[in-house]
N, C-alpha and C. Protein backbone atom coordinates (compact mmCIF):
# COMPACT_ATOMS: atom_id res chain seq x y z
N UNK A 1 109.74 100.26 106.67
CA UNK A 1 109.74 101.50 106.01
C UNK A 1 108.51 102.39 106.57
N UNK A 2 108.88 103.62 106.69
CA UNK A 2 107.82 104.62 106.98
C UNK A 2 107.44 105.42 105.67
N UNK A 3 106.26 105.43 105.25
CA UNK A 3 105.76 106.01 104.05
C UNK A 3 104.90 107.19 104.43
N UNK A 4 105.03 108.48 103.42
CA UNK A 4 104.16 109.53 103.70
C UNK A 4 103.67 109.54 102.16
N UNK A 5 102.23 109.51 101.98
CA UNK A 5 101.64 109.58 100.74
C UNK A 5 101.37 111.03 100.57
N UNK A 6 101.73 111.27 99.27
CA UNK A 6 101.43 112.48 98.57
C UNK A 6 99.82 112.48 98.31
N UNK A 7 99.30 113.70 98.12
CA UNK A 7 97.74 113.76 98.03
C UNK A 7 97.26 112.85 96.88
N UNK A 8 97.75 113.05 95.76
CA UNK A 8 97.37 112.30 94.69
C UNK A 8 97.43 110.79 94.80
N UNK A 9 98.58 110.43 95.53
CA UNK A 9 98.82 108.92 95.91
C UNK A 9 97.70 108.51 96.84
N UNK A 10 97.29 109.15 97.80
CA UNK A 10 96.26 108.95 98.87
C UNK A 10 94.84 108.73 98.04
N UNK A 11 94.68 109.62 97.14
CA UNK A 11 93.28 109.64 96.33
C UNK A 11 93.30 108.31 95.48
N UNK A 12 94.31 108.17 94.88
CA UNK A 12 94.47 106.90 94.01
C UNK A 12 94.35 105.57 94.79
N UNK A 13 95.03 105.68 95.99
CA UNK A 13 94.88 104.47 96.80
C UNK A 13 93.63 104.15 97.42
N UNK A 14 92.79 105.24 97.75
CA UNK A 14 91.58 104.99 98.29
C UNK A 14 90.40 104.67 97.10
N UNK A 15 90.70 105.39 95.87
CA UNK A 15 89.70 105.16 94.82
C UNK A 15 90.07 104.29 93.49
N UNK A 16 91.29 104.27 93.24
CA UNK A 16 91.66 103.67 92.02
C UNK A 16 93.12 102.89 92.36
N UNK A 17 93.10 102.12 93.43
CA UNK A 17 94.46 101.40 93.72
C UNK A 17 95.17 100.81 92.49
N UNK A 18 94.54 100.31 91.39
CA UNK A 18 95.13 99.74 90.21
C UNK A 18 95.94 100.68 89.53
N UNK A 19 95.75 101.89 89.83
CA UNK A 19 96.58 103.02 88.94
C UNK A 19 97.99 103.12 89.66
N UNK A 20 98.18 102.73 91.06
CA UNK A 20 99.41 102.76 91.49
C UNK A 20 100.37 101.58 91.07
N UNK A 21 101.76 101.91 91.00
CA UNK A 21 102.58 100.86 90.49
C UNK A 21 102.73 99.70 91.59
N UNK A 22 102.61 98.37 91.00
CA UNK A 22 102.73 97.27 92.10
C UNK A 22 103.59 97.45 93.11
N UNK A 23 104.97 97.88 93.04
CA UNK A 23 105.86 97.94 93.95
C UNK A 23 105.38 98.99 95.14
N UNK A 24 104.80 100.14 94.76
CA UNK A 24 104.14 101.02 95.82
C UNK A 24 102.98 100.38 96.52
N UNK A 25 101.98 99.71 95.71
CA UNK A 25 100.80 99.26 96.31
C UNK A 25 101.45 98.06 97.35
N UNK A 26 102.34 97.35 97.05
CA UNK A 26 102.93 96.34 97.83
C UNK A 26 103.51 96.85 99.07
N UNK A 27 104.22 97.81 98.92
CA UNK A 27 104.78 98.57 100.05
C UNK A 27 103.68 99.27 101.03
N UNK A 28 102.56 99.81 100.48
CA UNK A 28 101.53 100.40 101.09
C UNK A 28 100.73 99.27 102.06
N UNK A 29 100.63 98.10 101.60
CA UNK A 29 99.66 97.17 102.21
C UNK A 29 100.59 96.05 102.97
N UNK A 30 101.87 96.29 102.94
CA UNK A 30 102.82 95.30 103.70
C UNK A 30 102.71 95.64 105.24
N UNK A 31 102.47 94.61 106.05
CA UNK A 31 102.52 94.80 107.49
C UNK A 31 103.90 95.32 108.05
N UNK A 32 104.93 95.20 107.28
CA UNK A 32 106.20 95.52 107.69
C UNK A 32 106.34 97.07 107.71
N UNK A 33 105.60 97.77 106.85
CA UNK A 33 105.75 99.17 106.74
C UNK A 33 104.60 100.00 107.46
N UNK A 34 104.83 101.27 107.77
CA UNK A 34 103.79 102.06 108.17
C UNK A 34 103.54 103.16 107.17
N UNK A 35 102.31 103.32 106.83
CA UNK A 35 101.93 104.32 105.82
C UNK A 35 101.26 105.38 106.42
N UNK A 36 101.48 106.78 106.23
CA UNK A 36 100.91 107.91 106.88
C UNK A 36 100.40 108.91 105.69
N UNK A 37 99.30 109.63 106.19
CA UNK A 37 98.77 110.70 105.37
C UNK A 37 98.93 111.92 106.17
N UNK A 38 99.46 112.89 105.73
CA UNK A 38 99.57 114.28 106.51
C UNK A 38 98.22 114.86 106.60
N UNK A 39 97.95 115.58 107.56
CA UNK A 39 96.70 116.55 107.80
C UNK A 39 96.72 117.41 106.61
N UNK A 40 97.87 118.02 106.11
CA UNK A 40 97.92 118.82 105.10
C UNK A 40 97.37 118.38 103.68
N UNK A 41 97.36 116.95 103.60
CA UNK A 41 96.73 116.40 102.49
C UNK A 41 95.30 116.53 102.55
N UNK A 42 94.72 116.31 103.78
CA UNK A 42 93.35 116.23 104.00
C UNK A 42 92.78 117.82 103.86
N UNK A 43 93.75 118.77 104.30
CA UNK A 43 93.36 120.17 103.99
C UNK A 43 93.32 120.62 102.53
N UNK A 44 94.33 119.98 101.78
CA UNK A 44 94.31 120.17 100.26
C UNK A 44 93.17 119.74 99.62
N UNK A 45 92.72 118.37 100.10
CA UNK A 45 91.66 117.82 99.41
C UNK A 45 90.27 118.70 99.73
N UNK A 46 90.19 119.17 100.96
CA UNK A 46 89.03 120.07 101.37
C UNK A 46 89.00 121.19 100.51
N UNK A 47 90.16 121.92 100.41
CA UNK A 47 90.16 123.09 99.67
C UNK A 47 89.75 122.88 98.15
N UNK A 48 90.32 121.77 97.60
CA UNK A 48 90.09 121.60 96.17
C UNK A 48 88.71 121.07 95.83
N UNK A 49 88.06 120.31 96.82
CA UNK A 49 86.68 120.05 96.83
C UNK A 49 85.71 121.26 96.92
N UNK A 50 86.10 122.16 97.78
CA UNK A 50 85.36 123.26 97.97
C UNK A 50 85.38 124.31 96.72
N UNK A 51 86.44 124.15 96.00
CA UNK A 51 86.46 125.04 94.90
C UNK A 51 86.08 124.37 93.68
N UNK A 52 85.44 123.12 93.75
CA UNK A 52 85.18 122.23 92.61
C UNK A 52 86.20 121.94 91.65
N UNK A 53 87.31 121.89 92.14
CA UNK A 53 88.58 121.32 91.35
C UNK A 53 88.80 119.90 91.67
N UNK A 54 88.08 119.25 92.57
CA UNK A 54 88.24 117.88 92.82
C UNK A 54 86.68 117.28 93.03
N UNK A 55 86.38 116.29 92.43
CA UNK A 55 85.09 115.66 92.49
C UNK A 55 85.23 114.51 93.45
N UNK A 56 84.54 114.57 94.73
CA UNK A 56 84.63 113.41 95.56
C UNK A 56 83.25 112.66 95.37
N UNK A 57 83.40 111.55 95.69
CA UNK A 57 82.03 110.60 95.62
C UNK A 57 81.07 110.89 96.58
N UNK A 58 81.31 111.46 97.67
CA UNK A 58 80.48 111.82 98.76
C UNK A 58 80.95 113.07 99.35
N UNK A 59 80.24 113.77 100.07
CA UNK A 59 80.75 115.09 100.77
C UNK A 59 82.06 114.74 101.54
N UNK A 60 82.79 115.82 101.60
CA UNK A 60 84.14 115.54 102.25
C UNK A 60 83.92 115.04 103.68
N UNK A 61 83.28 115.56 104.60
CA UNK A 61 82.87 115.32 105.87
C UNK A 61 82.44 113.67 106.16
N UNK A 62 81.93 113.18 105.20
CA UNK A 62 81.48 111.93 105.10
C UNK A 62 82.78 110.85 104.81
N UNK A 63 83.67 111.40 104.27
CA UNK A 63 84.78 110.58 103.64
C UNK A 63 85.96 110.58 104.61
N UNK A 64 86.40 111.90 105.22
CA UNK A 64 87.54 112.20 105.84
C UNK A 64 87.24 112.45 107.22
N UNK A 65 88.18 112.04 108.19
CA UNK A 65 89.39 111.27 107.89
C UNK A 65 89.22 109.78 107.87
N UNK A 66 87.81 109.36 108.13
CA UNK A 66 87.52 107.98 108.25
C UNK A 66 88.14 107.21 107.12
N UNK A 67 88.07 107.49 105.95
CA UNK A 67 88.57 106.86 104.84
C UNK A 67 90.05 106.47 104.91
N UNK A 68 90.67 107.36 105.50
CA UNK A 68 92.15 107.20 105.64
C UNK A 68 92.39 105.99 106.82
N UNK A 69 91.86 106.27 108.00
CA UNK A 69 91.97 105.37 108.99
C UNK A 69 91.47 104.01 108.83
N UNK A 70 90.17 104.02 108.15
CA UNK A 70 89.76 102.71 107.73
C UNK A 70 90.54 101.83 106.90
N UNK A 71 91.37 102.59 106.05
CA UNK A 71 92.23 101.96 105.18
C UNK A 71 93.61 101.49 105.68
N UNK A 72 93.66 101.62 107.03
CA UNK A 72 94.98 101.28 107.63
C UNK A 72 96.02 102.14 107.77
N UNK A 73 95.73 103.51 107.20
CA UNK A 73 96.76 104.45 107.04
C UNK A 73 96.70 105.34 108.43
N UNK A 74 97.74 105.88 108.80
CA UNK A 74 97.81 106.77 109.90
C UNK A 74 97.84 108.18 109.65
N UNK A 75 97.26 109.02 110.45
CA UNK A 75 97.24 110.41 110.19
C UNK A 75 98.61 111.11 110.89
N UNK A 76 99.26 111.95 110.13
CA UNK A 76 100.47 112.57 110.71
C UNK A 76 100.10 114.05 110.82
N UNK A 77 99.99 114.74 111.98
CA UNK A 77 99.70 115.95 112.26
C UNK A 77 100.89 116.85 111.79
N UNK A 78 100.62 118.07 111.70
CA UNK A 78 101.50 119.08 111.38
C UNK A 78 102.13 119.63 112.61
N UNK A 79 103.54 119.41 112.87
CA UNK A 79 104.14 120.00 113.94
C UNK A 79 104.96 121.09 113.66
N UNK A 80 105.39 122.00 114.66
CA UNK A 80 106.07 123.05 114.51
C UNK A 80 107.53 122.87 113.84
N UNK A 81 108.09 121.66 113.97
CA UNK A 81 109.29 121.26 113.34
C UNK A 81 109.16 121.16 111.86
N UNK A 82 108.01 120.55 111.52
CA UNK A 82 107.65 120.46 110.16
C UNK A 82 107.65 121.93 109.29
N UNK A 83 106.89 122.72 110.17
CA UNK A 83 106.88 124.01 109.46
C UNK A 83 108.15 124.81 109.46
N UNK A 84 108.92 124.59 110.52
CA UNK A 84 110.43 125.23 110.46
C UNK A 84 111.23 124.53 109.37
N UNK A 85 110.80 123.32 108.92
CA UNK A 85 111.73 122.61 107.95
C UNK A 85 111.45 123.27 106.64
N UNK A 86 110.29 123.88 106.46
CA UNK A 86 110.03 124.54 105.14
C UNK A 86 110.97 125.61 104.87
N UNK A 87 111.38 126.36 105.83
CA UNK A 87 112.18 127.44 105.75
C UNK A 87 113.53 127.00 105.18
N UNK A 88 114.08 125.95 105.39
CA UNK A 88 115.21 125.36 105.05
C UNK A 88 115.23 124.87 103.67
N UNK A 89 114.12 124.64 103.05
CA UNK A 89 114.02 124.07 101.55
C UNK A 89 114.30 125.11 100.58
N UNK A 90 115.15 124.51 99.54
CA UNK A 90 115.21 125.67 98.44
C UNK A 90 113.92 125.55 97.57
N UNK A 91 113.83 126.58 96.72
CA UNK A 91 112.55 126.86 96.16
C UNK A 91 112.50 126.01 94.77
N UNK A 92 112.72 124.82 94.78
CA UNK A 92 112.62 123.91 93.49
C UNK A 92 111.16 123.86 93.20
N UNK A 93 110.22 123.87 94.16
CA UNK A 93 108.81 123.78 93.94
C UNK A 93 107.98 124.81 94.77
N UNK A 94 107.01 125.39 94.15
CA UNK A 94 106.41 126.37 94.85
C UNK A 94 105.08 125.99 95.59
N UNK A 95 104.67 124.76 95.33
CA UNK A 95 103.21 124.28 95.81
C UNK A 95 103.35 124.14 97.27
N UNK A 96 102.58 124.96 97.93
CA UNK A 96 102.90 124.94 99.60
C UNK A 96 102.51 123.57 100.27
N UNK A 97 101.46 122.95 99.80
CA UNK A 97 101.22 121.55 100.24
C UNK A 97 102.40 120.58 100.01
N UNK A 98 102.95 120.61 98.92
CA UNK A 98 104.07 119.80 98.46
C UNK A 98 105.24 120.05 99.36
N UNK A 99 105.62 121.43 99.53
CA UNK A 99 106.63 121.79 100.37
C UNK A 99 106.55 121.36 101.78
N UNK A 100 105.35 121.42 102.40
CA UNK A 100 104.96 120.81 103.74
C UNK A 100 105.28 119.38 103.73
N UNK A 101 104.75 118.65 102.81
CA UNK A 101 105.00 117.11 102.79
C UNK A 101 106.42 116.80 102.68
N UNK A 102 107.23 117.57 101.80
CA UNK A 102 108.61 117.31 101.83
C UNK A 102 109.26 117.46 103.14
N UNK A 103 109.05 118.57 103.66
CA UNK A 103 109.57 118.93 105.05
C UNK A 103 109.15 117.95 106.03
N UNK A 104 107.93 117.62 106.15
CA UNK A 104 107.49 116.37 107.14
C UNK A 104 108.32 115.13 106.69
N UNK A 105 108.46 114.73 105.53
CA UNK A 105 109.15 113.47 105.24
C UNK A 105 110.59 113.52 105.55
N UNK A 106 111.24 114.84 105.49
CA UNK A 106 112.64 114.88 105.91
C UNK A 106 112.73 114.73 107.35
N UNK A 107 111.90 115.54 108.02
CA UNK A 107 111.80 115.76 109.50
C UNK A 107 111.57 114.25 110.32
N UNK A 108 110.60 113.62 109.65
CA UNK A 108 110.25 112.36 110.31
C UNK A 108 110.90 111.08 109.57
N UNK A 109 111.99 111.25 108.72
CA UNK A 109 112.59 110.22 108.10
C UNK A 109 111.80 109.32 107.53
N UNK A 110 110.87 110.00 106.62
CA UNK A 110 109.97 108.97 105.90
C UNK A 110 110.46 108.94 104.34
N UNK A 111 109.86 108.07 103.55
CA UNK A 111 109.99 107.95 102.23
C UNK A 111 108.57 108.49 101.71
N UNK A 112 108.62 109.38 100.78
CA UNK A 112 107.62 109.91 100.14
C UNK A 112 107.10 109.13 98.91
N UNK A 113 105.72 108.67 99.06
CA UNK A 113 105.13 108.01 97.91
C UNK A 113 104.58 108.99 96.94
N UNK A 114 105.23 109.22 95.91
CA UNK A 114 104.58 110.26 94.85
C UNK A 114 105.29 110.11 93.51
N UNK A 115 104.57 110.48 92.45
CA UNK A 115 105.34 110.54 91.31
C UNK A 115 105.49 111.84 90.80
N UNK A 116 105.39 112.73 91.69
CA UNK A 116 105.76 114.25 91.36
C UNK A 116 107.34 114.36 91.11
N UNK A 117 107.67 114.75 89.93
CA UNK A 117 109.16 114.84 89.57
C UNK A 117 109.91 115.85 90.25
N UNK A 118 109.10 116.90 90.68
CA UNK A 118 109.75 117.93 91.59
C UNK A 118 110.34 117.44 92.87
N UNK A 119 109.83 116.55 93.54
CA UNK A 119 110.26 116.04 94.81
C UNK A 119 111.74 115.37 94.85
N UNK A 120 112.14 115.00 93.72
CA UNK A 120 113.61 114.34 93.74
C UNK A 120 114.63 115.56 93.77
N UNK A 121 114.33 116.68 93.45
CA UNK A 121 115.36 117.66 93.55
C UNK A 121 115.60 118.06 95.06
N UNK A 122 114.91 117.61 95.91
CA UNK A 122 114.99 117.94 97.44
C UNK A 122 115.96 116.82 98.11
N UNK A 123 116.11 115.68 97.36
CA UNK A 123 116.90 114.62 97.98
C UNK A 123 116.11 113.80 98.94
N UNK A 124 114.89 113.90 99.11
CA UNK A 124 113.88 113.12 99.92
C UNK A 124 113.86 111.73 99.26
N UNK A 125 113.86 110.64 100.14
CA UNK A 125 113.45 109.27 99.66
C UNK A 125 112.31 109.20 98.85
N UNK A 126 112.27 108.64 97.90
CA UNK A 126 110.74 108.50 97.00
C UNK A 126 110.64 107.16 96.69
N UNK A 127 109.35 106.81 96.56
CA UNK A 127 108.96 105.54 96.02
C UNK A 127 107.65 105.71 95.11
N UNK A 128 107.86 105.01 93.84
CA UNK A 128 106.71 105.29 93.07
C UNK A 128 106.63 103.91 92.18
């Protein structure tokens, strides 16, 4: 299975993995699966940290992207096809970062790792 972590899932995986459901934690650590983090999530974290809406244990540039790759996760770039996919999405959800993650998961045939209830409306595979 190819997993794409929602931003909150990434933060919990890196800082408080015990908050994740056992099924998800097992999927994220299984060698049979590949887990990805979108560049959009790193962008979202940087924005929230710069606005003091997210408290990081160290400065952003000391944590990312190293914390992601050191954890065995892969970085997923933002491709033109992902952006085009946003145009095809109905407006069940207004958050631009979440909409990009949904489009990426759909375009790349990935399962989204998220507890966000809005994602289910898009029919994208979810795990939580």
